[in-house]
């Protein structure tokens, strides 16, 4: 039996360049897919957000570059919070997984600061 799960992840990139944004997003997606054994045909949708300082490229483009062409994607801008983490990309993946699946969120680079509670797991 399967059910829909929401799987979160985030990363930070060094610079506002297409190369940094796409490489960082691909690294994050690869880690999430591997850690959660996500199969493309089980993905319902992916929502990407990025901080307002990342304007050089759409993070969702990285997903298409990885061959995920049949997954609905959405890019959005994060709320501009003065004390927020800069150069941050977040993703929320909705996917069908086995009902007893234990979700493994992934936070890379400076984004680990967003979820210090996960460091204890």
PDB file of N, CA and C in Angstrom:
ATOM      1  N   UNK A   1       0.852  -1.175   0.000  1.00  0.00           N
ATOM      2  CA  UNK A   1       0.000   0.000   0.000  1.00  0.00           C
ATOM      3  C   UNK A   1       0.901   1.242   0.000  1.00  0.00           C
ATOM      4  N   UNK A   2       0.520   2.199  -0.820  1.00  0.00           N
ATOM      5  CA  UNK A   2       1.310   3.428  -0.921  1.00  0.00           C
ATOM      6  C   UNK A   2       0.469   4.619  -0.497  1.00  0.00           C
ATOM      7  N   UNK A   3       1.151   5.674  -0.100  1.00  0.00           N
ATOM      8  CA  UNK A   3       0.494   6.942   0.214  1.00  0.00           C
ATOM      9  C   UNK A   3       1.398   8.091  -0.205  1.00  0.00           C
ATOM     10  N   UNK A   4       0.840   9.295  -0.278  1.00  0.00           N
ATOM     11  CA  UNK A   4       1.615  10.463  -0.691  1.00  0.00           C
ATOM     12  C   UNK A   4       2.358  11.039   0.504  1.00  0.00           C
ATOM     13  N   UNK A   5       3.642  11.285   0.288  1.00  0.00           N
ATOM     14  CA  UNK A   5       4.482  11.918   1.295  1.00  0.00           C
ATOM     15  C   UNK A   5       4.979  13.250   0.754  1.00  0.00           C
ATOM     16  N   UNK A   6       5.279  14.183   1.643  1.00  0.00           N
ATOM     17  CA  UNK A   6       5.966  15.428   1.308  1.00  0.00           C
ATOM     18  C   UNK A   6       7.390  15.318   1.820  1.00  0.00           C
ATOM     19  N   UNK A   7       8.345  15.483   0.939  1.00  0.00           N
ATOM     20  CA  UNK A   7       9.749  15.321   1.294  1.00  0.00           C
ATOM     21  C   UNK A   7      10.454  16.649   1.064  1.00  0.00           C
ATOM     22  N   UNK A   8      11.045  17.189   2.125  1.00  0.00           N
ATOM     23  CA  UNK A   8      11.673  18.515   2.077  1.00  0.00           C
ATOM     24  C   UNK A   8      13.176  18.420   1.969  1.00  0.00           C
ATOM     25  N   UNK A   9      13.732  19.448   1.358  1.00  0.00           N
ATOM     26  CA  UNK A   9      15.176  19.566   1.290  1.00  0.00           C
ATOM     27  C   UNK A   9      15.565  20.996   0.983  1.00  0.00           C
ATOM     28  N   UNK A  10      16.814  21.324   1.249  1.00  0.00           N
ATOM     29  CA  UNK A  10      17.323  22.672   0.960  1.00  0.00           C
ATOM     30  C   UNK A  10      18.832  22.610   0.792  1.00  0.00           C
ATOM     31  N   UNK A  11      19.324  23.591   0.071  1.00  0.00           N
ATOM     32  CA  UNK A  11      20.760  23.741  -0.095  1.00  0.00           C
ATOM     33  C   UNK A  11      21.075  25.220  -0.233  1.00  0.00           C
ATOM     34  N   UNK A  12      22.332  25.537  -0.169  1.00  0.00           N
ATOM     35  CA  UNK A  12      22.770  26.903  -0.449  1.00  0.00           C
ATOM     36  C   UNK A  12      23.798  26.833  -1.563  1.00  0.00           C
ATOM     37  N   UNK A  13      23.912  27.931  -2.289  1.00  0.00           N
ATOM     38  CA  UNK A  13      24.906  28.009  -3.361  1.00  0.00           C
ATOM     39  C   UNK A  13      25.819  29.198  -3.093  1.00  0.00           C
ATOM     40  N   UNK A  14      26.996  29.159  -3.690  1.00  0.00           N
ATOM     41  CA  UNK A  14      27.990  30.210  -3.464  1.00  0.00           C
ATOM     42  C   UNK A  14      27.643  31.524  -4.151  1.00  0.00           C
ATOM     43  N   UNK A  15      27.160  31.436  -5.413  1.00  0.00           N
ATOM     44  CA  UNK A  15      26.949  32.641  -6.210  1.00  0.00           C
ATOM     45  C   UNK A  15      25.650  32.561  -6.988  1.00  0.00           C
ATOM     46  N   UNK A  16      25.153  33.716  -7.382  1.00  0.00           N
ATOM     47  CA  UNK A  16      23.957  33.832  -8.199  1.00  0.00           C
ATOM     48  C   UNK A  16      24.338  33.691  -9.676  1.00  0.00           C
ATOM     49  N   UNK A  17      24.695  32.474 -10.051  1.00  0.00           N
ATOM     50  CA  UNK A  17      24.999  32.186 -11.454  1.00  0.00           C
ATOM     51  C   UNK A  17      24.175  30.978 -11.876  1.00  0.00           C
ATOM     52  N   UNK A  18      23.850  30.870 -13.164  1.00  0.00           N
ATOM     53  CA  UNK A  18      23.111  29.684 -13.615  1.00  0.00           C
ATOM     54  C   UNK A  18      23.830  28.386 -13.240  1.00  0.00           C
ATOM     55  N   UNK A  19      25.145  28.367 -13.394  1.00  0.00           N
ATOM     56  CA  UNK A  19      25.910  27.154 -13.101  1.00  0.00           C
ATOM     57  C   UNK A  19      25.783  26.744 -11.632  1.00  0.00           C
ATOM     58  N   UNK A  20      25.904  27.701 -10.727  1.00  0.00           N
ATOM     59  CA  UNK A  20      25.802  27.400  -9.296  1.00  0.00           C
ATOM     60  C   UNK A  20      24.393  26.942  -8.930  1.00  0.00           C
ATOM     61  N   UNK A  21      23.397  27.624  -9.441  1.00  0.00           N
ATOM     62  CA  UNK A  21      22.000  27.285  -9.117  1.00  0.00           C
ATOM     63  C   UNK A  21      21.651  25.898  -9.643  1.00  0.00           C
ATOM     64  N   UNK A  22      22.000  25.606 -10.887  1.00  0.00           N
ATOM     65  CA  UNK A  22      21.667  24.305 -11.473  1.00  0.00           C
ATOM     66  C   UNK A  22      22.450  23.175 -10.818  1.00  0.00           C
ATOM     67  N   UNK A  23      23.736  23.374 -10.580  1.00  0.00           N
ATOM     68  CA  UNK A  23      24.552  22.331  -9.941  1.00  0.00           C
ATOM     69  C   UNK A  23      24.086  22.074  -8.511  1.00  0.00           C
ATOM     70  N   UNK A  24      23.796  23.138  -7.773  1.00  0.00           N
ATOM     71  CA  UNK A  24      23.324  22.978  -6.393  1.00  0.00           C
ATOM     72  C   UNK A  24      21.989  22.266  -6.327  1.00  0.00           C
ATOM     73  N   UNK A  25      21.092  22.602  -7.240  1.00  0.00           N
ATOM     74  CA  UNK A  25      19.775  21.965  -7.263  1.00  0.00           C
ATOM     75  C   UNK A  25      19.899  20.498  -7.653  1.00  0.00           C
ATOM     76  N   UNK A  26      20.738  20.201  -8.635  1.00  0.00           N
ATOM     77  CA  UNK A  26      20.938  18.806  -9.030  1.00  0.00           C
ATOM     78  C   UNK A  26      21.531  17.985  -7.882  1.00  0.00           C
ATOM     79  N   UNK A  27      22.473  18.564  -7.174  1.00  0.00           N
ATOM     80  CA  UNK A  27      23.067  17.868  -6.024  1.00  0.00           C
ATOM     81  C   UNK A  27      21.998  17.565  -4.978  1.00  0.00           C
ATOM     82  N   UNK A  28      21.147  18.540  -4.687  1.00  0.00           N
ATOM     83  CA  UNK A  28      20.080  18.356  -3.701  1.00  0.00           C
ATOM     84  C   UNK A  28      19.090  17.290  -4.161  1.00  0.00           C
ATOM     85  N   UNK A  29      18.642  17.384  -5.405  1.00  0.00           N
ATOM     86  CA  UNK A  29      17.675  16.406  -5.913  1.00  0.00           C
ATOM     87  C   UNK A  29      18.251  14.996  -5.906  1.00  0.00           C
ATOM     88  N   UNK A  30      19.498  14.855  -6.323  1.00  0.00           N
ATOM     89  CA  UNK A  30      20.132  13.535  -6.331  1.00  0.00           C
ATOM     90  C   UNK A  30      20.172  12.947  -4.926  1.00  0.00           C
ATOM     91  N   UNK A  31      20.536  13.757  -3.950  1.00  0.00           N
ATOM     92  CA  UNK A  31      20.593  13.282  -2.560  1.00  0.00           C
ATOM     93  C   UNK A  31      19.207  12.879  -2.054  1.00  0.00           C
ATOM     94  N   UNK A  32      18.190  13.689  -2.353  1.00  0.00           N
ATOM     95  CA  UNK A  32      16.822  13.371  -1.915  1.00  0.00           C
ATOM     96  C   UNK A  32      16.301  12.103  -2.576  1.00  0.00           C
ATOM     97  N   UNK A  33      16.542  11.966  -3.875  1.00  0.00           N
ATOM     98  CA  UNK A  33      16.069  10.800  -4.624  1.00  0.00           C
ATOM     99  C   UNK A  33      16.726   9.527  -4.100  1.00  0.00           C
ATOM    100  N   UNK A  34      18.024   9.577  -3.879  1.00  0.00           N
ATOM    101  CA  UNK A  34      18.738   8.398  -3.382  1.00  0.00           C
ATOM    102  C   UNK A  34      18.343   8.049  -1.952  1.00  0.00           C
ATOM    103  N   UNK A  35      18.287   9.046  -1.079  1.00  0.00           N
ATOM    104  CA  UNK A  35      17.985   8.796   0.335  1.00  0.00           C
ATOM    105  C   UNK A  35      16.569   8.261   0.539  1.00  0.00           C
ATOM    106  N   UNK A  36      15.651   8.682  -0.327  1.00  0.00           N
ATOM    107  CA  UNK A  36      14.248   8.294  -0.162  1.00  0.00           C
ATOM    108  C   UNK A  36      13.775   7.284  -1.203  1.00  0.00           C
ATOM    109  N   UNK A  37      14.682   6.800  -2.029  1.00  0.00           N
ATOM    110  CA  UNK A  37      14.364   5.805  -3.059  1.00  0.00           C
ATOM    111  C   UNK A  37      13.148   6.230  -3.881  1.00  0.00           C
ATOM    112  N   UNK A  38      13.205   7.468  -4.372  1.00  0.00           N
ATOM    113  CA  UNK A  38      12.098   8.041  -5.134  1.00  0.00           C
ATOM    114  C   UNK A  38      12.226   7.617  -6.595  1.00  0.00           C
ATOM    115  N   UNK A  39      11.130   7.110  -7.129  1.00  0.00           N
ATOM    116  CA  UNK A  39      11.073   6.764  -8.547  1.00  0.00           C
ATOM    117  C   UNK A  39      10.255   7.829  -9.264  1.00  0.00           C
ATOM    118  N   UNK A  40      10.722   8.207 -10.444  1.00  0.00           N
ATOM    119  CA  UNK A  40      10.091   9.290 -11.200  1.00  0.00           C
ATOM    120  C   UNK A  40       8.597   9.083 -11.382  1.00  0.00           C
ATOM    121  N   UNK A  41       8.184   7.868 -11.666  1.00  0.00           N
ATOM    122  CA  UNK A  41       6.764   7.603 -11.916  1.00  0.00           C
ATOM    123  C   UNK A  41       5.895   7.750 -10.667  1.00  0.00           C
ATOM    124  N   UNK A  42       6.528   7.837  -9.496  1.00  0.00           N
ATOM    125  CA  UNK A  42       5.777   8.007  -8.247  1.00  0.00           C
ATOM    126  C   UNK A  42       5.687   9.453  -7.782  1.00  0.00           C
ATOM    127  N   UNK A  43       6.347  10.373  -8.503  1.00  0.00           N
ATOM    128  CA  UNK A  43       6.358  11.779  -8.094  1.00  0.00           C
ATOM    129  C   UNK A  43       5.083  12.468  -8.590  1.00  0.00           C
ATOM    130  N   UNK A  44       4.396  13.131  -7.674  1.00  0.00           N
ATOM    131  CA  UNK A  44       3.180  13.875  -7.989  1.00  0.00           C
ATOM    132  C   UNK A  44       3.545  15.277  -8.459  1.00  0.00           C
ATOM    133  N   UNK A  45       4.447  15.946  -7.727  1.00  0.00           N
ATOM    134  CA  UNK A  45       4.881  17.296  -8.091  1.00  0.00           C
ATOM    135  C   UNK A  45       6.101  17.684  -7.273  1.00  0.00           C
ATOM    136  N   UNK A  46       6.782  18.751  -7.745  1.00  0.00           N
ATOM    137  CA  UNK A  46       7.895  19.345  -7.005  1.00  0.00           C
ATOM    138  C   UNK A  46       7.708  20.852  -6.994  1.00  0.00           C
ATOM    139  N   UNK A  47       7.883  21.433  -5.822  1.00  0.00           N
ATOM    140  CA  UNK A  47       7.812  22.883  -5.665  1.00  0.00           C
ATOM    141  C   UNK A  47       9.184  23.363  -5.212  1.00  0.00           C
ATOM    142  N   UNK A  48       9.755  24.270  -5.984  1.00  0.00           N
ATOM    143  CA  UNK A  48      11.052  24.852  -5.662  1.00  0.00           C
ATOM    144  C   UNK A  48      10.846  26.290  -5.224  1.00  0.00           C
ATOM    145  N   UNK A  49      11.578  26.695  -4.204  1.00  0.00           N
ATOM    146  CA  UNK A  49      11.623  28.111  -3.840  1.00  0.00           C
ATOM    147  C   UNK A  49      13.089  28.517  -3.738  1.00  0.00           C
ATOM    148  N   UNK A  50      13.331  29.779  -3.997  1.00  0.00           N
ATOM    149  CA  UNK A  50      14.685  30.308  -3.840  1.00  0.00           C
ATOM    150  C   UNK A  50      14.595  31.685  -3.211  1.00  0.00           C
ATOM    151  N   UNK A  51      15.648  32.064  -2.543  1.00  0.00           N
ATOM    152  CA  UNK A  51      15.675  33.372  -1.916  1.00  0.00           C
ATOM    153  C   UNK A  51      15.742  34.449  -2.995  1.00  0.00           C
ATOM    154  N   UNK A  52      15.281  35.667  -2.685  1.00  0.00           N
ATOM    155  CA  UNK A  52      15.213  36.729  -3.699  1.00  0.00           C
ATOM    156  C   UNK A  52      16.549  37.106  -4.334  1.00  0.00           C
ATOM    157  N   UNK A  53      17.658  36.710  -3.717  1.00  0.00           N
ATOM    158  CA  UNK A  53      18.965  37.041  -4.291  1.00  0.00           C
ATOM    159  C   UNK A  53      19.404  36.065  -5.391  1.00  0.00           C
ATOM    160  N   UNK A  54      18.630  35.017  -5.640  1.00  0.00           N
ATOM    161  CA  UNK A  54      18.944  34.059  -6.702  1.00  0.00           C
ATOM    162  C   UNK A  54      18.036  34.322  -7.899  1.00  0.00           C
ATOM    163  N   UNK A  55      18.571  35.006  -8.886  1.00  0.00           N
ATOM    164  CA  UNK A  55      17.772  35.426 -10.040  1.00  0.00           C
ATOM    165  C   UNK A  55      18.343  34.947 -11.372  1.00  0.00           C
ATOM    166  N   UNK A  56      19.456  34.251 -11.368  1.00  0.00           N
ATOM    167  CA  UNK A  56      20.142  33.900 -12.609  1.00  0.00           C
ATOM    168  C   UNK A  56      19.526  32.711 -13.344  1.00  0.00           C
ATOM    169  N   UNK A  57      18.760  31.867 -12.630  1.00  0.00           N
ATOM    170  CA  UNK A  57      18.186  30.682 -13.263  1.00  0.00           C
ATOM    171  C   UNK A  57      17.055  30.125 -12.406  1.00  0.00           C
ATOM    172  N   UNK A  58      16.166  29.377 -13.051  1.00  0.00           N
ATOM    173  CA  UNK A  58      15.100  28.680 -12.339  1.00  0.00           C
ATOM    174  C   UNK A  58      15.653  27.367 -11.770  1.00  0.00           C
ATOM    175  N   UNK A  59      15.533  27.115 -10.469  1.00  0.00           N
ATOM    176  CA  UNK A  59      16.003  25.835  -9.934  1.00  0.00           C
ATOM    177  C   UNK A  59      15.327  24.621 -10.589  1.00  0.00           C
ATOM    178  N   UNK A  60      14.070  24.734 -10.950  1.00  0.00           N
ATOM    179  CA  UNK A  60      13.359  23.599 -11.549  1.00  0.00           C
ATOM    180  C   UNK A  60      13.988  23.143 -12.864  1.00  0.00           C
ATOM    181  N   UNK A  61      14.698  24.021 -13.523  1.00  0.00           N
ATOM    182  CA  UNK A  61      15.364  23.643 -14.778  1.00  0.00           C
ATOM    183  C   UNK A  61      16.321  22.478 -14.548  1.00  0.00           C
ATOM    184  N   UNK A  62      16.925  22.413 -13.371  1.00  0.00           N
ATOM    185  CA  UNK A  62      17.843  21.318 -13.046  1.00  0.00           C
ATOM    186  C   UNK A  62      17.131  19.974 -13.097  1.00  0.00           C
ATOM    187  N   UNK A  63      15.889  19.955 -12.676  1.00  0.00           N
ATOM    188  CA  UNK A  63      15.101  18.730 -12.706  1.00  0.00           C
ATOM    189  C   UNK A  63      14.910  18.259 -14.146  1.00  0.00           C
ATOM    190  N   UNK A  64      14.590  19.182 -15.032  1.00  0.00           N
ATOM    191  CA  UNK A  64      14.427  18.849 -16.451  1.00  0.00           C
ATOM    192  C   UNK A  64      15.751  18.363 -17.045  1.00  0.00           C
ATOM    193  N   UNK A  65      16.843  18.976 -16.636  1.00  0.00           N
ATOM    194  CA  UNK A  65      18.160  18.571 -17.131  1.00  0.00           C
ATOM    195  C   UNK A  65      18.512  17.151 -16.685  1.00  0.00           C
ATOM    196  N   UNK A  66      17.909  16.703 -15.593  1.00  0.00           N
ATOM    197  CA  UNK A  66      18.128  15.351 -15.084  1.00  0.00           C
ATOM    198  C   UNK A  66      17.214  14.334 -15.763  1.00  0.00           C
ATOM    199  N   UNK A  67      16.375  14.798 -16.692  1.00  0.00           N
ATOM    200  CA  UNK A  67      15.507  13.887 -17.429  1.00  0.00           C
ATOM    201  C   UNK A  67      14.117  13.713 -16.860  1.00  0.00           C
ATOM    202  N   UNK A  68      13.764  14.507 -15.886  1.00  0.00           N
ATOM    203  CA  UNK A  68      12.443  14.411 -15.275  1.00  0.00           C
ATOM    204  C   UNK A  68      11.481  15.321 -16.042  1.00  0.00           C
ATOM    205  N   UNK A  69      10.955  14.835 -17.145  1.00  0.00           N
ATOM    206  CA  UNK A  69      10.134  15.656 -18.029  1.00  0.00           C
ATOM    207  C   UNK A  69       8.630  15.539 -17.777  1.00  0.00           C
ATOM    208  N   UNK A  70       8.182  14.521 -17.070  1.00  0.00           N
ATOM    209  CA  UNK A  70       6.751  14.309 -16.861  1.00  0.00           C
ATOM    210  C   UNK A  70       6.282  14.667 -15.456  1.00  0.00           C
ATOM    211  N   UNK A  71       7.112  15.398 -14.728  1.00  0.00           N
ATOM    212  CA  UNK A  71       6.784  15.793 -13.363  1.00  0.00           C
ATOM    213  C   UNK A  71       6.378  17.266 -13.364  1.00  0.00           C
ATOM    214  N   UNK A  72       5.202  17.616 -12.794  1.00  0.00           N
ATOM    215  CA  UNK A  72       4.835  19.029 -12.694  1.00  0.00           C
ATOM    216  C   UNK A  72       5.778  19.755 -11.727  1.00  0.00           C
ATOM    217  N   UNK A  73       6.301  20.887 -12.171  1.00  0.00           N
ATOM    218  CA  UNK A  73       7.256  21.665 -11.378  1.00  0.00           C
ATOM    219  C   UNK A  73       6.746  23.086 -11.192  1.00  0.00           C
ATOM    220  N   UNK A  74       7.137  23.702 -10.091  1.00  0.00           N
ATOM    221  CA  UNK A  74       6.798  25.098  -9.831  1.00  0.00           C
ATOM    222  C   UNK A  74       7.984  25.764  -9.164  1.00  0.00           C
ATOM    223  N   UNK A  75       8.348  26.943  -9.668  1.00  0.00           N
ATOM    224  CA  UNK A  75       9.364  27.785  -9.028  1.00  0.00           C
ATOM    225  C   UNK A  75       8.675  28.961  -8.369  1.00  0.00           C
ATOM    226  N   UNK A  76       9.135  29.337  -7.190  1.00  0.00           N
ATOM    227  CA  UNK A  76       8.600  30.502  -6.482  1.00  0.00           C
ATOM    228  C   UNK A  76       9.727  31.176  -5.720  1.00  0.00           C
ATOM    229  N   UNK A  77       9.478  32.414  -5.314  1.00  0.00           N
ATOM    230  CA  UNK A  77      10.464  33.179  -4.550  1.00  0.00           C
ATOM    231  C   UNK A  77      10.088  33.127  -3.074  1.00  0.00           C
ATOM    232  N   UNK A  78      11.072  32.882  -2.230  1.00  0.00           N
ATOM    233  CA  UNK A  78      10.877  32.888  -0.780  1.00  0.00           C
ATOM    234  C   UNK A  78      10.549  34.293  -0.289  1.00  0.00           C
ATOM    235  N   UNK A  79       9.931  34.382   0.839  1.00  0.00           N
ATOM    236  CA  UNK A  79       9.706  35.667   1.493  1.00  0.00           C
ATOM    237  C   UNK A  79      11.063  36.267   1.857  1.00  0.00           C
ATOM    238  N   UNK A  80      11.221  37.558   1.631  1.00  0.00           N
ATOM    239  CA  UNK A  80      12.487  38.230   1.904  1.00  0.00           C
ATOM    240  C   UNK A  80      12.563  38.602   3.386  1.00  0.00           C
ATOM    241  N   UNK A  81      13.085  37.690   4.180  1.00  0.00           N
ATOM    242  CA  UNK A  81      13.232  37.898   5.619  1.00  0.00           C
ATOM    243  C   UNK A  81      14.649  38.401   5.877  1.00  0.00           C
ATOM    244  N   UNK A  82      14.800  39.549   6.552  1.00  0.00           N
ATOM    245  CA  UNK A  82      16.136  40.135   6.733  1.00  0.00           C
ATOM    246  C   UNK A  82      17.163  39.196   7.360  1.00  0.00           C
ATOM    247  N   UNK A  83      16.758  38.325   8.271  1.00  0.00           N
ATOM    248  CA  UNK A  83      17.723  37.438   8.926  1.00  0.00           C
ATOM    249  C   UNK A  83      17.740  36.039   8.303  1.00  0.00           C
ATOM    250  N   UNK A  84      17.140  35.890   7.120  1.00  0.00           N
ATOM    251  CA  UNK A  84      17.093  34.593   6.453  1.00  0.00           C
ATOM    252  C   UNK A  84      18.428  34.201   5.834  1.00  0.00           C
ATOM    253  N   UNK A  85      18.541  32.929   5.520  1.00  0.00           N
ATOM    254  CA  UNK A  85      19.743  32.401   4.883  1.00  0.00           C
ATOM    255  C   UNK A  85      19.802  32.862   3.431  1.00  0.00           C
ATOM    256  N   UNK A  86      20.890  33.509   3.005  1.00  0.00           N
ATOM    257  CA  UNK A  86      20.997  33.949   1.608  1.00  0.00           C
ATOM    258  C   UNK A  86      21.336  32.789   0.675  1.00  0.00           C
ATOM    259  N   UNK A  87      21.085  32.997  -0.605  1.00  0.00           N
ATOM    260  CA  UNK A  87      21.441  32.041  -1.661  1.00  0.00           C
ATOM    261  C   UNK A  87      20.945  30.629  -1.347  1.00  0.00           C
ATOM    262  N   UNK A  88      19.696  30.527  -0.963  1.00  0.00           N
ATOM    263  CA  UNK A  88      19.115  29.260  -0.529  1.00  0.00           C
ATOM    264  C   UNK A  88      18.054  28.777  -1.529  1.00  0.00           C
ATOM    265  N   UNK A  89      18.111  27.497  -1.813  1.00  0.00           N
ATOM    266  CA  UNK A  89      17.123  26.835  -2.670  1.00  0.00           C
ATOM    267  C   UNK A  89      16.461  25.751  -1.833  1.00  0.00           C
ATOM    268  N   UNK A  90      15.141  25.733  -1.866  1.00  0.00           N
ATOM    269  CA  UNK A  90      14.381  24.709  -1.145  1.00  0.00           C
ATOM    270  C   UNK A  90      13.526  23.943  -2.136  1.00  0.00           C
ATOM    271  N   UNK A  91      13.202  22.710  -1.777  1.00  0.00           N
ATOM    272  CA  UNK A  91      12.303  21.914  -2.607  1.00  0.00           C
ATOM    273  C   UNK A  91      11.365  21.113  -1.707  1.00  0.00           C
ATOM    274  N   UNK A  92      10.152  20.941  -2.193  1.00  0.00           N
ATOM    275  CA  UNK A  92       9.165  20.066  -1.567  1.00  0.00           C
ATOM    276  C   UNK A  92       8.718  19.092  -2.647  1.00  0.00           C
ATOM    277  N   UNK A  93       9.007  17.829  -2.446  1.00  0.00           N
ATOM    278  CA  UNK A  93       8.629  16.779  -3.387  1.00  0.00           C
ATOM    279  C   UNK A  93       7.431  16.041  -2.819  1.00  0.00           C
ATOM    280  N   UNK A  94       6.371  15.933  -3.611  1.00  0.00           N
ATOM    281  CA  UNK A  94       5.218  15.105  -3.254  1.00  0.00           C
ATOM    282  C   UNK A  94       5.333  13.814  -4.046  1.00  0.00           C
ATOM    283  N   UNK A  95       5.403  12.675  -3.350  1.00  0.00           N
ATOM    284  CA  UNK A  95       5.596  11.406  -4.045  1.00  0.00           C
ATOM    285  C   UNK A  95       4.877  10.276  -3.324  1.00  0.00           C
ATOM    286  N   UNK A  96       4.435   9.312  -4.109  1.00  0.00           N
ATOM    287  CA  UNK A  96       3.881   8.077  -3.556  1.00  0.00           C
ATOM    288  C   UNK A  96       5.028   7.176  -3.128  1.00  0.00           C
ATOM    289  N   UNK A  97       4.990   6.775  -1.856  1.00  0.00           N
ATOM    290  CA  UNK A  97       5.972   5.853  -1.300  1.00  0.00           C
ATOM    291  C   UNK A  97       5.228   4.832  -0.454  1.00  0.00           C
ATOM    292  N   UNK A  98       5.907   3.752  -0.124  1.00  0.00           N
ATOM    293  CA  UNK A  98       5.278   2.751   0.731  1.00  0.00           C
ATOM    294  C   UNK A  98       4.784   3.409   2.020  1.00  0.00           C
ATOM    295  N   UNK A  99       3.624   2.982   2.508  1.00  0.00           N
ATOM    296  CA  UNK A  99       2.987   3.676   3.639  1.00  0.00           C
ATOM    297  C   UNK A  99       3.835   3.689   4.899  1.00  0.00           C
ATOM    298  N   UNK A 100       4.759   2.759   5.048  1.00  0.00           N
ATOM    299  CA  UNK A 100       5.611   2.728   6.240  1.00  0.00           C
ATOM    300  C   UNK A 100       6.967   3.401   6.002  1.00  0.00           C
ATOM    301  N   UNK A 101       7.097   4.103   4.880  1.00  0.00           N
ATOM    302  CA  UNK A 101       8.354   4.786   4.542  1.00  0.00           C
ATOM    303  C   UNK A 101       8.689   5.845   5.600  1.00  0.00           C
ATOM    304  N   UNK A 102       9.937   5.928   5.949  1.00  0.00           N
ATOM    305  CA  UNK A 102      10.417   6.972   6.856  1.00  0.00           C
ATOM    306  C   UNK A 102      11.090   8.032   5.982  1.00  0.00           C
ATOM    307  N   UNK A 103      10.503   9.225   5.943  1.00  0.00           N
ATOM    308  CA  UNK A 103      11.007  10.309   5.099  1.00  0.00           C
ATOM    309  C   UNK A 103      12.357  10.793   5.613  1.00  0.00           C
ATOM    310  N   UNK A 104      13.274  10.997   4.678  1.00  0.00           N
ATOM    311  CA  UNK A 104      14.608  11.499   5.021  1.00  0.00           C
ATOM    312  C   UNK A 104      14.806  12.862   4.361  1.00  0.00           C
ATOM    313  N   UNK A 105      14.565  13.943   5.097  1.00  0.00           N
ATOM    314  CA  UNK A 105      14.833  15.278   4.550  1.00  0.00           C
ATOM    315  C   UNK A 105      16.340  15.469   4.385  1.00  0.00           C
ATOM    316  N   UNK A 106      16.721  16.279   3.419  1.00  0.00           N
ATOM    317  CA  UNK A 106      18.138  16.523   3.151  1.00  0.00           C
ATOM    318  C   UNK A 106      18.390  18.029   3.164  1.00  0.00           C
ATOM    319  N   UNK A 107      19.347  18.447   3.961  1.00  0.00           N
ATOM    320  CA  UNK A 107      19.759  19.855   4.026  1.00  0.00           C
ATOM    321  C   UNK A 107      21.267  19.898   3.837  1.00  0.00           C
ATOM    322  N   UNK A 108      21.697  20.576   2.775  1.00  0.00           N
ATOM    323  CA  UNK A 108      23.108  20.592   2.395  1.00  0.00           C
ATOM    324  C   UNK A 108      23.745  21.968   2.601  1.00  0.00           C
ATOM    325  N   UNK A 109      25.039  21.954   2.759  1.00  0.00           N
ATOM    326  CA  UNK A 109      25.865  23.171   2.851  1.00  0.00           C
ATOM    327  C   UNK A 109      25.341  24.088   3.971  1.00  0.00           C
ATOM    328  N   UNK A 110      25.205  25.377   3.724  1.00  0.00           N
ATOM    329  CA  UNK A 110      24.759  26.305   4.770  1.00  0.00           C
ATOM    330  C   UNK A 110      23.305  26.067   5.187  1.00  0.00           C
ATOM    331  N   UNK A 111      22.543  25.355   4.351  1.00  0.00           N
ATOM    332  CA  UNK A 111      21.133  25.099   4.665  1.00  0.00           C
ATOM    333  C   UNK A 111      20.956  24.175   5.871  1.00  0.00           C
ATOM    334  N   UNK A 112      22.017  23.509   6.314  1.00  0.00           N
ATOM    335  CA  UNK A 112      21.888  22.681   7.518  1.00  0.00           C
ATOM    336  C   UNK A 112      21.481  23.541   8.714  1.00  0.00           C
ATOM    337  N   UNK A 113      21.776  24.834   8.655  1.00  0.00           N
ATOM    338  CA  UNK A 113      21.387  25.751   9.737  1.00  0.00           C
ATOM    339  C   UNK A 113      19.872  25.877   9.857  1.00  0.00           C
ATOM    340  N   UNK A 114      19.153  25.582   8.783  1.00  0.00           N
ATOM    341  CA  UNK A 114      17.695  25.694   8.800  1.00  0.00           C
ATOM    342  C   UNK A 114      17.039  24.591   9.630  1.00  0.00           C
ATOM    343  N   UNK A 115      17.719  23.451   9.741  1.00  0.00           N
ATOM    344  CA  UNK A 115      17.156  22.319  10.478  1.00  0.00           C
ATOM    345  C   UNK A 115      18.199  21.684  11.389  1.00  0.00           C
ATOM    346  N   UNK A 116      18.626  22.404  12.428  1.00  0.00           N
ATOM    347  CA  UNK A 116      19.635  21.842  13.324  1.00  0.00           C
ATOM    348  C   UNK A 116      19.140  20.580  14.038  1.00  0.00           C
ATOM    349  N   UNK A 117      17.832  20.429  14.141  1.00  0.00           N
ATOM    350  CA  UNK A 117      17.274  19.242  14.785  1.00  0.00           C
ATOM    351  C   UNK A 117      17.615  17.977  14.024  1.00  0.00           C
ATOM    352  N   UNK A 118      17.832  18.065  12.725  1.00  0.00           N
ATOM    353  CA  UNK A 118      18.154  16.883  11.936  1.00  0.00           C
ATOM    354  C   UNK A 118      19.575  16.394  12.181  1.00  0.00           C
ATOM    355  N   UNK A 119      20.441  17.234  12.671  1.00  0.00           N
ATOM    356  CA  UNK A 119      21.821  16.841  12.954  1.00  0.00           C
ATOM    357  C   UNK A 119      21.879  15.822  14.077  1.00  0.00           C
ATOM    358  N   UNK A 120      20.853  15.759  14.889  1.00  0.00           N
ATOM    359  CA  UNK A 120      20.814  14.830  16.023  1.00  0.00           C
ATOM    360  C   UNK A 120      20.292  13.463  15.634  1.00  0.00           C
ATOM    361  N   UNK A 121      19.789  13.343  14.414  1.00  0.00           N
ATOM    362  CA  UNK A 121      19.184  12.075  13.975  1.00  0.00           C
ATOM    363  C   UNK A 121      20.242  11.134  13.470  1.00  0.00           C
TER     364      UNK A 121
END
